[in-house]
C-alpha cells in the first residue's frame, strides 16, 4: 500500500503520543485499583475502558496534529523542504503535547481527591496559588506522579526528535495518487477529532459512560478533553449562572413554599418523606416520556381530530391530572425535569455535564428497584446515556442495541419497535426478586417522521398521522404488557417531554408546555380520579414515590401532587419564563422587560399587570427563587446528599 513520507511521519507521532497518554491512564488505573471489584468487573470491561481512552486521546492528538499534518502533506505534494518549518513544528508538537501531558499528570491527584477528571474547577483556587503549590510540594505522594512525568517528557523529547530526523530520504511520488492518499488521510484525521462515525453528534463526555462501573467510565476520558469541554461550557452564554436575588432570601422563599421549617441535611430543601402505610408488594414502575405529546392533541382537551383515542380512553380509567406543564421546551429538559425534579434554567443544558442528582432512579435503586432506560436513538445525543448512568440507571438501551435493519431515521427505531423490543427485557427484569423501574423516551412524533407500512393512519396530513401512530404504539405496548405476569403489579405513568406549538395566544405557547399526566394501574388503583390542581413535570417523581409508599428523602423542588399543593408552576421558554396557577399566566422576559399577566383560562389577551401588580410580582418572585435555588444546588454540589449530615 502506498504511504508517503509525511503520512508515515505523522502516524509515528500519533503512536508515540497515544503511548504516553496510555501510560498516564495506567497510572490512574493503578492509583484507583481498589475501586475495581474483580468479582463484578470483567477483564473485557476494563479493556473496553482503555480502548475508550484511546478514542479520546486520538481526539486531543488530532487537534494538536491537524495543522502540522496539513502543512507537511502540502509541502510533500509540492516537493518543498524547509528547515525552519520543520523546527517550528517540532516545538509546536512538543510544547502542546507537553501541556497535555502536564494536565494528565495533574489529573491523577485531582481524580484521587475529587473522583472526577480534570476540569476548570481545578483553577478555582488560583487566587491562593501559593497555598496550592505548597500543598503539592508538601505531599510526598505527588512526586509519584511528577517523577514519571519528567521521565516521560525526556523519553517523548528524544523519540520525537528521532522521528523528525528520520524520513529525510527523497521519494519519487505520483502526484495524483499522493494527492488522493493525502486527502484520505486528512479525512481520517478529522474523523479522529470528531471521535465518532455517527452523524448525530461528535464524541462527548457521555460517550465514555458505557458500563455500570463509574470509575471505568471516567477512566476512559482524556483530562485535556474534559478540561477544554468544561471551559467551553463555562463560557457558553447559554450556561450563565442564574442570579436574581440574595441567595439566603431565595432559599427562605423556597423553604416557605415547600413547608420546610428546619433542615435535617446539608441541602436546604431536603426533607424526609415517610409514608403512613406500606404496600404489601412493591409495585413496578414504568414511566413513558412521550415526544411532543401536547395535551391539545387529545380530544379531552379540545382536539377535533381522532389523534389520540388510546390516551383519551386511558385518561378516563386512571389518575389523571388536567393542568400539568412541562419544565422546558426541549427533550433534554423533559427527561431531566421528569426524572430529577428540578426546573429548567433558561438555555442551560442540564444534561451536558454529568452532575449527580437525587432523582427517581436514585431513590428507587435505594429501595431495591432495578433501573433501566429505553431510547430509540443514539445514546450520545443530548448526553443521555452518560447522564443517566451517572445518576444510577443500571441499564441504558438505545440505537446500538437494536437490529440495524430496524433503524429507520436519524432518530433510530420507531416507537412500537422499541416497545416490542422491551418486553423480553422487562420480563428478564421481572424474573429477579426485586421490582423494576423502566423509563421510555419515545421519538416518533418528531421529524423526520416515519410511519411504518403496517400502520394505517386515518388522517391525511403526516403531522396528524404520526400522532395517531405514536398513540397506537402506546396502545400496542400496554396490550403486550397486559399479557405478562408483572402487569397487574405495575404502575404506568405517561407524560410528555414537551408539547407542540399548536396554538400561541401569548408570547409563550402554552400548548408547547401543557401535557397529559396519566397514572394507570387498573389492578392497583380502581376507577378514575381527575385532579384539577396546577402541577409540573417536576412533580412526577415525588408523586410516584407517594403512590408506591416508599420512604425516601426528597432533595428536589418537586412535590407529591396527591398530598401537597403547588402554588405555581414554572415553564421555561429559553429566553423567557412563564409562571402559572389555575387562572393566571405571568411572563417574565430575560431582557428585563416589564412583567406581563394574562387570564389564560379565559383566553383573554389583555395584560392585567397594572391592575394586578402584586399578583404578578408574587409569581415572578416564585420563579426567580426556585430557579436560583436550583442554581445554588448545582454550584454548591447539593443536588445529591453525598455530604449528608
Foldseek 3Di string as FASTA:
>chain_A
DDDALLRVLLVVLLVLLLVLLLVLLVVLCVVPVVLDDPVPDDPVLLVVLSVLQSLQSLLLSLVQCLVVLVVVLVCLLVVDDDPVVLVVSLCSNLVSSLVLLVQSLVQRVVCVVVVAGAACVVCPCVVVVVVVVVVCVVDVVSVVSVVVSVVSSVVSSVVSVVSSVPSPDDDDDDNVVSVVVSVVVSVVSVLSNQSDPQPPGGDALLVLLDALRSSSSRSSHRRVRRHVVNVVLCPDPLNDFFDDDDLVVLLVVLCVLVVNPDDQWPASPKDWDFFPDADPAQFAEEEEAEAQAFPCLDVVNPDPDPQFPLVNVLQQWFAWEQAAWEQEQDLQSLVCLLFAQAHDDQSDLPQSDQFEFCGLLNFVVVVFAAAEEEFAADCPVSSNNSNVSSHNHRYYHYQVNDPPVQQDDNRHHALLVSLVVCVVVVVVRVPDPTHYYYYYYHDQLDPVHDDDPVDDAPDDDSNSRSSNRSSVSVVSNLVVLVVDPSQLRYKYWYWYSFHDQPDDLDPDRRSRIHIMITIDRCNQDGGHHYHHWHYYSNQNGQLVCNSSRDIDIRSHSYHNVVPDHRQWGWYHHNQWIWIDGSFKIWIGGNVRDDIFIDRVVVSDSDTCCVVPVVVNVVRVSNVSSSSNSVSVCVVVVVSDRPVTD
